Amino acid sequence: MRRIRVYADTSVFGGTQDEEFSDASMWLFEKAKQGAWVILISQITLDELLGAPDSVRSVLEDLPPDAVEEVAVDDEVRALADAYVAAGALGPARRNDARHIAAATVAGADAILSWNFRHVVNFERIRKYNGVNVLNGYHPVAIHSPLEMGYEDEKQDI
C-alpha cells in the first residue's frame, strides 16, 4: 500500500509542545512511526528547527529514518515560491512560508500540514497558491491543519 506523504511545516513540530495542538500533532507523528505516513521536510524546516527548543527538535530526531523524506529546495522551488509572492498570495517577508508550500508542491506531497492559519491554512491564500500551481503546470495541493487529517475520526466510533 502506498504511504501518505505529508509535508509538515515547522509549526507542526512546534505544535507538539502547545497545549491546544499537542494531541493532534503527536498523532500525526505517531502515524509516521506506524508506517502509514511519510513526513516530508525541507532544509527550510531544518533551519527553522535549529532555533527551537530541544523538545521540539527531538520530535524529528525520534522518527524512524524511513518515516522522513527530505525534499529539495532548488531553483524550481524558489521560482514557484517567487510566483506565489508575485501573485500576492504572500508578501516578500513570508518567503519561507512560500518556499514550504512550493517545496511540498514540487515534491508531489499528498498534503501540506500546518498550524499557521494566517499564512498557510487560509482559504483565500490556498486558492491563490493553487491558482499559481495550475498556471505553472503543477497539481493543486491540499493544505490542512493536522486536525483535518482524521485525528478526530480515530477518537470516535463512526
N, C-alpha and C. Protein backbone atom coordinates (compact mmCIF):
# COMPACT_ATOMS: atom_id res chain seq x y z
N MET A 1 0.84 -1.18 0.00
CA MET A 1 0.00 0.00 0.00
C MET A 1 0.89 1.24 0.00
N ARG A 2 0.50 2.23 -0.77
CA ARG A 2 1.23 3.49 -0.86
C ARG A 2 1.05 4.27 0.43
N ARG A 3 2.15 4.76 0.96
CA ARG A 3 2.10 5.57 2.17
C ARG A 3 1.72 7.00 1.83
N ILE A 4 0.96 7.64 2.69
CA ILE A 4 0.57 9.04 2.51
C ILE A 4 1.79 9.90 2.79
N ARG A 5 2.06 10.84 1.89
CA ARG A 5 3.22 11.72 2.01
C ARG A 5 2.73 13.12 2.37
N VAL A 6 3.01 13.54 3.60
CA VAL A 6 2.55 14.85 4.07
C VAL A 6 3.75 15.73 4.41
N TYR A 7 3.70 16.94 3.91
CA TYR A 7 4.73 17.91 4.23
C TYR A 7 4.30 18.61 5.52
N ALA A 8 5.12 18.49 6.55
CA ALA A 8 4.83 19.15 7.83
C ALA A 8 5.73 20.37 7.96
N ASP A 9 5.12 21.54 8.03
CA ASP A 9 5.96 22.72 8.24
C ASP A 9 6.38 22.79 9.71
N THR A 10 7.21 23.72 10.03
CA THR A 10 7.81 23.81 11.36
C THR A 10 6.77 23.97 12.46
N SER A 11 5.65 24.61 12.16
CA SER A 11 4.62 24.81 13.18
C SER A 11 4.06 23.49 13.70
N VAL A 12 4.07 22.45 12.89
CA VAL A 12 3.54 21.16 13.32
C VAL A 12 4.48 20.52 14.35
N PHE A 13 5.78 20.68 14.13
CA PHE A 13 6.74 20.19 15.12
C PHE A 13 6.59 20.98 16.42
N GLY A 14 6.49 22.29 16.31
CA GLY A 14 6.29 23.12 17.49
C GLY A 14 4.96 22.85 18.18
N GLY A 15 3.97 22.44 17.39
CA GLY A 15 2.65 22.15 17.94
C GLY A 15 2.66 21.02 18.95
N THR A 16 3.68 20.18 18.91
CA THR A 16 3.75 19.08 19.88
C THR A 16 3.93 19.61 21.30
N GLN A 17 4.38 20.85 21.43
CA GLN A 17 4.63 21.44 22.74
C GLN A 17 3.57 22.47 23.13
N ASP A 18 2.52 22.58 22.33
CA ASP A 18 1.45 23.56 22.56
C ASP A 18 0.23 22.84 23.09
N GLU A 19 -0.32 23.31 24.18
CA GLU A 19 -1.46 22.65 24.81
C GLU A 19 -2.62 22.42 23.83
N GLU A 20 -2.90 23.41 23.01
CA GLU A 20 -4.03 23.33 22.09
C GLU A 20 -3.78 22.35 20.94
N PHE A 21 -2.54 22.24 20.47
CA PHE A 21 -2.23 21.48 19.26
C PHE A 21 -1.47 20.18 19.50
N SER A 22 -1.08 19.92 20.74
CA SER A 22 -0.19 18.80 21.04
C SER A 22 -0.76 17.45 20.63
N ASP A 23 -1.98 17.15 21.01
CA ASP A 23 -2.53 15.82 20.74
C ASP A 23 -2.57 15.52 19.24
N ALA A 24 -3.08 16.45 18.45
CA ALA A 24 -3.18 16.22 17.01
C ALA A 24 -1.81 16.17 16.35
N SER A 25 -0.87 16.99 16.83
CA SER A 25 0.49 16.96 16.27
C SER A 25 1.17 15.64 16.57
N MET A 26 1.05 15.19 17.81
CA MET A 26 1.68 13.92 18.19
C MET A 26 1.02 12.75 17.45
N TRP A 27 -0.28 12.83 17.23
CA TRP A 27 -0.99 11.80 16.47
C TRP A 27 -0.39 11.68 15.07
N LEU A 28 -0.14 12.82 14.44
CA LEU A 28 0.45 12.84 13.10
C LEU A 28 1.79 12.11 13.08
N PHE A 29 2.64 12.41 14.03
CA PHE A 29 3.96 11.79 14.05
C PHE A 29 3.87 10.31 14.43
N GLU A 30 2.87 9.95 15.20
CA GLU A 30 2.65 8.54 15.51
C GLU A 30 2.26 7.77 14.25
N LYS A 31 1.44 8.38 13.38
CA LYS A 31 1.08 7.74 12.11
C LYS A 31 2.34 7.45 11.29
N ALA A 32 3.30 8.35 11.33
CA ALA A 32 4.56 8.14 10.61
C ALA A 32 5.35 7.01 11.26
N LYS A 33 5.41 6.97 12.58
CA LYS A 33 6.13 5.90 13.27
C LYS A 33 5.51 4.54 12.98
N GLN A 34 4.19 4.51 12.80
CA GLN A 34 3.49 3.26 12.49
C GLN A 34 3.67 2.83 11.04
N GLY A 35 4.25 3.70 10.22
CA GLY A 35 4.50 3.36 8.82
C GLY A 35 3.38 3.74 7.87
N ALA A 36 2.34 4.40 8.36
CA ALA A 36 1.22 4.78 7.50
C ALA A 36 1.53 6.02 6.67
N TRP A 37 2.30 6.93 7.23
CA TRP A 37 2.59 8.20 6.57
C TRP A 37 4.09 8.43 6.49
N VAL A 38 4.49 9.23 5.52
CA VAL A 38 5.86 9.72 5.42
C VAL A 38 5.80 11.22 5.64
N ILE A 39 6.64 11.72 6.53
CA ILE A 39 6.71 13.15 6.81
C ILE A 39 7.75 13.77 5.88
N LEU A 40 7.32 14.69 5.04
CA LEU A 40 8.23 15.42 4.17
C LEU A 40 8.69 16.68 4.89
N ILE A 41 9.97 16.94 4.80
CA ILE A 41 10.54 18.17 5.34
C ILE A 41 11.49 18.74 4.30
N SER A 42 11.94 19.95 4.52
CA SER A 42 12.92 20.58 3.63
C SER A 42 14.02 21.20 4.48
N GLN A 43 15.01 21.71 3.80
CA GLN A 43 16.09 22.41 4.51
C GLN A 43 15.53 23.62 5.26
N ILE A 44 14.46 24.20 4.76
CA ILE A 44 13.82 25.32 5.46
C ILE A 44 13.36 24.87 6.84
N THR A 45 12.70 23.71 6.88
CA THR A 45 12.25 23.16 8.15
C THR A 45 13.43 22.92 9.08
N LEU A 46 14.47 22.31 8.56
CA LEU A 46 15.65 22.01 9.37
C LEU A 46 16.28 23.29 9.91
N ASP A 47 16.37 24.31 9.07
CA ASP A 47 16.94 25.60 9.51
C ASP A 47 16.08 26.24 10.60
N GLU A 48 14.76 26.19 10.42
CA GLU A 48 13.87 26.79 11.42
C GLU A 48 13.90 26.01 12.73
N LEU A 49 14.10 24.71 12.65
CA LEU A 49 14.16 23.89 13.86
C LEU A 49 15.44 24.12 14.66
N LEU A 50 16.48 24.66 14.03
CA LEU A 50 17.73 24.93 14.74
C LEU A 50 17.52 25.82 15.95
N GLY A 51 16.61 26.77 15.84
CA GLY A 51 16.35 27.70 16.94
C GLY A 51 15.27 27.23 17.90
N ALA A 52 14.75 26.04 17.66
CA ALA A 52 13.65 25.53 18.50
C ALA A 52 14.20 24.86 19.76
N PRO A 53 13.37 24.75 20.79
CA PRO A 53 13.78 24.03 22.00
C PRO A 53 14.10 22.56 21.68
N ASP A 54 14.91 21.95 22.53
CA ASP A 54 15.29 20.55 22.35
C ASP A 54 14.07 19.65 22.22
N SER A 55 13.03 19.93 22.99
CA SER A 55 11.83 19.09 22.97
C SER A 55 11.15 19.10 21.61
N VAL A 56 11.26 20.20 20.88
CA VAL A 56 10.68 20.29 19.54
C VAL A 56 11.58 19.57 18.54
N ARG A 57 12.88 19.83 18.63
CA ARG A 57 13.82 19.17 17.71
C ARG A 57 13.80 17.65 17.88
N SER A 58 13.57 17.19 19.09
CA SER A 58 13.60 15.74 19.34
C SER A 58 12.45 15.02 18.63
N VAL A 59 11.38 15.71 18.30
CA VAL A 59 10.27 15.08 17.58
C VAL A 59 10.77 14.52 16.26
N LEU A 60 11.53 15.32 15.52
CA LEU A 60 12.09 14.87 14.26
C LEU A 60 13.13 13.78 14.49
N GLU A 61 13.98 13.98 15.48
CA GLU A 61 15.04 13.01 15.76
C GLU A 61 14.48 11.65 16.16
N ASP A 62 13.30 11.61 16.75
CA ASP A 62 12.69 10.36 17.21
C ASP A 62 11.96 9.59 16.11
N LEU A 63 11.82 10.19 14.94
CA LEU A 63 11.15 9.49 13.85
C LEU A 63 12.11 8.50 13.19
N PRO A 64 11.62 7.31 12.82
CA PRO A 64 12.49 6.37 12.12
C PRO A 64 12.92 6.95 10.77
N PRO A 65 14.12 6.61 10.30
CA PRO A 65 14.61 7.17 9.03
C PRO A 65 13.66 6.96 7.85
N ASP A 66 12.95 5.83 7.80
CA ASP A 66 12.05 5.60 6.67
C ASP A 66 10.73 6.34 6.79
N ALA A 67 10.54 7.09 7.89
CA ALA A 67 9.33 7.88 8.08
C ALA A 67 9.51 9.33 7.66
N VAL A 68 10.73 9.68 7.25
CA VAL A 68 11.04 11.06 6.90
C VAL A 68 11.68 11.10 5.51
N GLU A 69 11.26 12.08 4.73
CA GLU A 69 11.85 12.30 3.41
C GLU A 69 12.18 13.78 3.29
N GLU A 70 13.44 14.08 3.04
CA GLU A 70 13.81 15.49 2.82
C GLU A 70 13.63 15.82 1.35
N VAL A 71 12.88 16.89 1.08
CA VAL A 71 12.65 17.34 -0.28
C VAL A 71 13.55 18.53 -0.58
N ALA A 72 13.92 18.67 -1.82
CA ALA A 72 14.87 19.69 -2.24
C ALA A 72 14.25 21.09 -2.23
N VAL A 73 15.10 22.05 -1.95
CA VAL A 73 14.75 23.46 -2.15
C VAL A 73 15.73 23.95 -3.23
N ASP A 74 15.31 23.76 -4.46
CA ASP A 74 16.17 24.06 -5.60
C ASP A 74 15.62 25.26 -6.38
N ASP A 75 16.18 25.50 -7.55
CA ASP A 75 15.74 26.64 -8.36
C ASP A 75 14.26 26.53 -8.73
N GLU A 76 13.78 25.32 -8.99
CA GLU A 76 12.37 25.13 -9.33
C GLU A 76 11.47 25.54 -8.16
N VAL A 77 11.85 25.16 -6.97
CA VAL A 77 11.08 25.51 -5.77
C VAL A 77 11.13 27.01 -5.54
N ARG A 78 12.31 27.59 -5.64
CA ARG A 78 12.44 29.04 -5.43
C ARG A 78 11.63 29.83 -6.46
N ALA A 79 11.61 29.38 -7.71
CA ALA A 79 10.84 30.07 -8.75
C ALA A 79 9.34 29.98 -8.45
N LEU A 80 8.87 28.82 -8.00
CA LEU A 80 7.45 28.70 -7.68
C LEU A 80 7.09 29.56 -6.47
N ALA A 81 7.96 29.59 -5.48
CA ALA A 81 7.73 30.44 -4.31
C ALA A 81 7.67 31.92 -4.73
N ASP A 82 8.57 32.31 -5.62
CA ASP A 82 8.56 33.69 -6.13
C ASP A 82 7.25 33.99 -6.87
N ALA A 83 6.71 32.98 -7.56
CA ALA A 83 5.44 33.17 -8.26
C ALA A 83 4.30 33.37 -7.27
N TYR A 84 4.33 32.69 -6.13
CA TYR A 84 3.31 32.92 -5.10
C TYR A 84 3.37 34.36 -4.61
N VAL A 85 4.58 34.83 -4.37
CA VAL A 85 4.76 36.21 -3.89
C VAL A 85 4.30 37.20 -4.97
N ALA A 86 4.70 36.97 -6.21
CA ALA A 86 4.31 37.86 -7.31
C ALA A 86 2.79 37.91 -7.49
N ALA A 87 2.11 36.81 -7.20
CA ALA A 87 0.66 36.75 -7.34
C ALA A 87 -0.07 37.33 -6.13
N GLY A 88 0.68 37.72 -5.10
CA GLY A 88 0.07 38.30 -3.92
C GLY A 88 -0.47 37.29 -2.92
N ALA A 89 -0.09 36.02 -3.07
CA ALA A 89 -0.52 35.02 -2.09
C ALA A 89 0.12 35.29 -0.74
N LEU A 90 1.34 35.77 -0.77
CA LEU A 90 2.09 36.16 0.43
C LEU A 90 2.97 37.35 0.08
N GLY A 91 3.34 38.10 1.11
CA GLY A 91 4.27 39.19 0.91
C GLY A 91 5.71 38.69 0.94
N PRO A 92 6.65 39.49 0.47
CA PRO A 92 8.05 39.08 0.43
C PRO A 92 8.61 38.68 1.80
N ALA A 93 8.09 39.24 2.87
CA ALA A 93 8.59 38.90 4.21
C ALA A 93 8.22 37.47 4.61
N ARG A 94 7.28 36.87 3.91
CA ARG A 94 6.82 35.49 4.22
C ARG A 94 7.36 34.49 3.21
N ARG A 95 8.49 34.81 2.62
CA ARG A 95 9.07 33.96 1.56
C ARG A 95 9.31 32.53 2.03
N ASN A 96 9.70 32.32 3.30
CA ASN A 96 9.91 30.95 3.77
C ASN A 96 8.61 30.15 3.77
N ASP A 97 7.50 30.79 4.12
CA ASP A 97 6.22 30.10 4.03
C ASP A 97 5.93 29.71 2.58
N ALA A 98 6.21 30.62 1.66
CA ALA A 98 6.02 30.32 0.24
C ALA A 98 6.93 29.17 -0.20
N ARG A 99 8.13 29.13 0.32
CA ARG A 99 9.05 28.04 -0.05
C ARG A 99 8.60 26.70 0.53
N HIS A 100 8.04 26.71 1.73
CA HIS A 100 7.49 25.46 2.27
C HIS A 100 6.43 24.91 1.30
N ILE A 101 5.52 25.78 0.89
CA ILE A 101 4.42 25.35 0.02
C ILE A 101 4.96 24.91 -1.33
N ALA A 102 5.90 25.65 -1.87
CA ALA A 102 6.48 25.30 -3.16
C ALA A 102 7.25 23.97 -3.09
N ALA A 103 8.00 23.76 -2.03
CA ALA A 103 8.76 22.51 -1.89
C ALA A 103 7.81 21.31 -1.84
N ALA A 104 6.73 21.45 -1.10
CA ALA A 104 5.75 20.36 -1.00
C ALA A 104 5.06 20.13 -2.34
N THR A 105 4.75 21.20 -3.03
CA THR A 105 4.08 21.10 -4.33
C THR A 105 4.98 20.39 -5.34
N VAL A 106 6.21 20.85 -5.46
CA VAL A 106 7.15 20.27 -6.42
C VAL A 106 7.41 18.80 -6.09
N ALA A 107 7.45 18.47 -4.81
CA ALA A 107 7.71 17.09 -4.39
C ALA A 107 6.48 16.18 -4.56
N GLY A 108 5.34 16.76 -4.89
CA GLY A 108 4.12 15.96 -5.08
C GLY A 108 3.52 15.45 -3.78
N ALA A 109 3.62 16.26 -2.71
CA ALA A 109 3.04 15.87 -1.42
C ALA A 109 1.53 15.66 -1.56
N ASP A 110 1.01 14.70 -0.80
CA ASP A 110 -0.44 14.50 -0.76
C ASP A 110 -1.12 15.65 -0.03
N ALA A 111 -0.42 16.24 0.93
CA ALA A 111 -0.98 17.36 1.68
C ALA A 111 0.15 18.12 2.35
N ILE A 112 -0.12 19.38 2.63
CA ILE A 112 0.74 20.22 3.46
C ILE A 112 0.00 20.40 4.77
N LEU A 113 0.71 20.20 5.88
CA LEU A 113 0.10 20.36 7.19
C LEU A 113 0.77 21.51 7.92
N SER A 114 -0.05 22.32 8.57
CA SER A 114 0.46 23.49 9.27
C SER A 114 -0.54 23.94 10.31
N TRP A 115 -0.02 24.60 11.33
CA TRP A 115 -0.87 25.30 12.31
C TRP A 115 -0.85 26.80 12.02
N ASN A 116 -0.25 27.22 10.94
CA ASN A 116 -0.16 28.63 10.59
C ASN A 116 -1.42 29.01 9.81
N PHE A 117 -2.43 29.47 10.54
CA PHE A 117 -3.72 29.78 9.93
C PHE A 117 -3.72 31.14 9.23
N ARG A 118 -2.76 31.94 9.49
CA ARG A 118 -2.71 33.26 8.85
C ARG A 118 -2.08 33.20 7.45
N HIS A 119 -1.00 32.43 7.31
CA HIS A 119 -0.26 32.46 6.05
C HIS A 119 -0.31 31.16 5.24
N VAL A 120 -0.73 30.06 5.85
CA VAL A 120 -0.71 28.78 5.14
C VAL A 120 -2.11 28.18 5.05
N VAL A 121 -2.68 27.80 6.17
CA VAL A 121 -4.00 27.17 6.20
C VAL A 121 -5.04 28.30 6.22
N ASN A 122 -5.26 28.87 5.07
CA ASN A 122 -6.08 30.06 4.94
C ASN A 122 -6.79 29.97 3.59
N PHE A 123 -8.10 29.95 3.60
CA PHE A 123 -8.89 29.70 2.39
C PHE A 123 -8.47 30.54 1.19
N GLU A 124 -8.41 31.85 1.37
CA GLU A 124 -8.08 32.72 0.23
C GLU A 124 -6.66 32.49 -0.26
N ARG A 125 -5.73 32.29 0.67
CA ARG A 125 -4.34 32.05 0.25
C ARG A 125 -4.22 30.70 -0.47
N ILE A 126 -4.91 29.68 0.03
CA ILE A 126 -4.86 28.37 -0.62
C ILE A 126 -5.35 28.48 -2.06
N ARG A 127 -6.40 29.24 -2.27
CA ARG A 127 -6.90 29.45 -3.64
C ARG A 127 -5.82 30.09 -4.51
N LYS A 128 -5.10 31.06 -3.95
CA LYS A 128 -4.03 31.70 -4.72
C LYS A 128 -2.87 30.75 -4.98
N TYR A 129 -2.46 29.99 -3.96
CA TYR A 129 -1.37 29.02 -4.17
C TYR A 129 -1.73 28.06 -5.29
N ASN A 130 -2.95 27.53 -5.23
CA ASN A 130 -3.34 26.54 -6.22
C ASN A 130 -3.58 27.15 -7.60
N GLY A 131 -4.00 28.39 -7.66
CA GLY A 131 -4.09 29.08 -8.94
C GLY A 131 -2.72 29.22 -9.59
N VAL A 132 -1.75 29.61 -8.79
CA VAL A 132 -0.36 29.71 -9.30
C VAL A 132 0.14 28.33 -9.71
N ASN A 133 -0.17 27.32 -8.90
CA ASN A 133 0.27 25.96 -9.24
C ASN A 133 -0.25 25.55 -10.61
N VAL A 134 -1.53 25.72 -10.84
CA VAL A 134 -2.13 25.31 -12.10
C VAL A 134 -1.55 26.11 -13.26
N LEU A 135 -1.39 27.41 -13.08
CA LEU A 135 -0.81 28.24 -14.14
C LEU A 135 0.62 27.85 -14.48
N ASN A 136 1.30 27.23 -13.53
CA ASN A 136 2.69 26.84 -13.74
C ASN A 136 2.86 25.34 -13.98
N GLY A 137 1.76 24.65 -14.24
CA GLY A 137 1.84 23.24 -14.61
C GLY A 137 1.91 22.25 -13.47
N TYR A 138 1.59 22.69 -12.26
CA TYR A 138 1.58 21.79 -11.10
C TYR A 138 0.15 21.45 -10.71
N HIS A 139 0.01 20.35 -9.99
CA HIS A 139 -1.30 19.99 -9.46
C HIS A 139 -1.62 20.87 -8.26
N PRO A 140 -2.91 21.12 -8.02
CA PRO A 140 -3.28 21.79 -6.77
C PRO A 140 -2.83 20.92 -5.59
N VAL A 141 -2.56 21.56 -4.48
CA VAL A 141 -2.11 20.83 -3.30
C VAL A 141 -3.12 21.05 -2.17
N ALA A 142 -3.37 20.00 -1.42
CA ALA A 142 -4.26 20.08 -0.26
C ALA A 142 -3.48 20.69 0.90
N ILE A 143 -4.06 21.67 1.56
CA ILE A 143 -3.42 22.31 2.71
C ILE A 143 -4.40 22.26 3.87
N HIS A 144 -3.94 21.64 4.97
CA HIS A 144 -4.83 21.41 6.11
C HIS A 144 -4.07 21.58 7.43
N SER A 145 -4.83 21.67 8.50
CA SER A 145 -4.24 21.53 9.83
C SER A 145 -4.22 20.03 10.14
N PRO A 146 -3.37 19.59 11.05
CA PRO A 146 -3.37 18.17 11.43
C PRO A 146 -4.73 17.68 11.92
N LEU A 147 -5.54 18.56 12.49
CA LEU A 147 -6.87 18.16 12.95
C LEU A 147 -7.75 17.65 11.81
N GLU A 148 -7.50 18.11 10.62
CA GLU A 148 -8.33 17.77 9.47
C GLU A 148 -7.91 16.46 8.79
N MET A 149 -6.92 15.80 9.33
CA MET A 149 -6.38 14.60 8.68
C MET A 149 -6.93 13.30 9.24
N GLY A 150 -7.94 13.36 10.09
CA GLY A 150 -8.57 12.16 10.60
C GLY A 150 -8.37 11.92 12.08
N TYR A 151 -7.69 12.84 12.75
CA TYR A 151 -7.42 12.70 14.17
C TYR A 151 -8.70 12.48 14.97
N GLU A 152 -9.70 13.29 14.75
CA GLU A 152 -10.97 13.17 15.48
C GLU A 152 -11.70 11.89 15.12
N ASP A 153 -11.58 11.43 13.87
CA ASP A 153 -12.25 10.21 13.44
C ASP A 153 -11.77 9.01 14.25
N GLU A 154 -10.50 8.95 14.54
CA GLU A 154 -9.95 7.81 15.26
C GLU A 154 -10.38 7.82 16.72
N LYS A 155 -10.81 8.95 17.23
CA LYS A 155 -11.25 9.05 18.62
C LYS A 155 -12.72 8.70 18.78
N GLN A 156 -13.43 8.56 17.67
CA GLN A 156 -14.88 8.34 17.73
C GLN A 156 -15.23 7.02 17.05
N ASP A 157 -16.35 6.49 17.41
CA ASP A 157 -16.90 5.32 16.75
C ASP A 157 -17.82 5.84 15.65
N ILE A 158 -17.30 5.87 14.44
CA ILE A 158 -18.06 6.46 13.33
C ILE A 158 -18.97 5.44 12.70
